[in-house]
Amino acid sequence: MSRVFLAARALAYSTGFVGVWVWLALQVERRAGGTLPVPPAAGRIPGAVLIGLGGTVVLACVAMFVVAGRGTPAPFDPPRALVPRGPYRWVRNPMYLGALLVLVGFGLWRTSLAMILLAVPAALCAHLLVVLYEEPSLQRRFGSQYLDYQRRVKRWSITLGRRPAAGP
């Protein structure tokens, strides 16, 4: 399979996923209709920083899935190899963490408390997806290699001083 075709698929899936969340965030903001306090406009700059940081993490994760995993972030087109490299060396779910940073940053940038609060149910949904679907699926697909990775790298917390996971 061509890496270019794989990268194009990963980019298309990721763009679609981001588009859905942007649409959802805008709907939440619209439906809140001024019922919530407005965060200060000074939050726009930190919001832009969070969008950039989170977006960079997400793009690095997608790149790792394509290059090291020979797959995409989509559950129906997953990586063919376990990816304990890049951001995955430090935390098992950096793509979700990056996406949550983007979501909170987008809310700050738009000065929308409704969008910022959307990160709470989004985080809960991500956690449930990881625990109920992704982890069992990865354990079935990669067996002891995933179990070893799971023992060495935490699900959500980033510990920079700890010895990172070794790549295959």
Foldseek 3Di string as FASTA:
>chain_A
DDLVVQLVVQVVVVVVVVVVLVVVLVVLQVVCPPVDDFDDLVLQVVLVVLLVQLVVQLVQVQVQQSPVQVFHPDPVTGGLDDRCDDPNQFAPPSNLVSVLSNQLSVCSNVRGPSSNVVSVVSVVVVVCCCVVPVLVVCCVNPPPVVVVSPVQYYHPDGDPVGRTDDDD
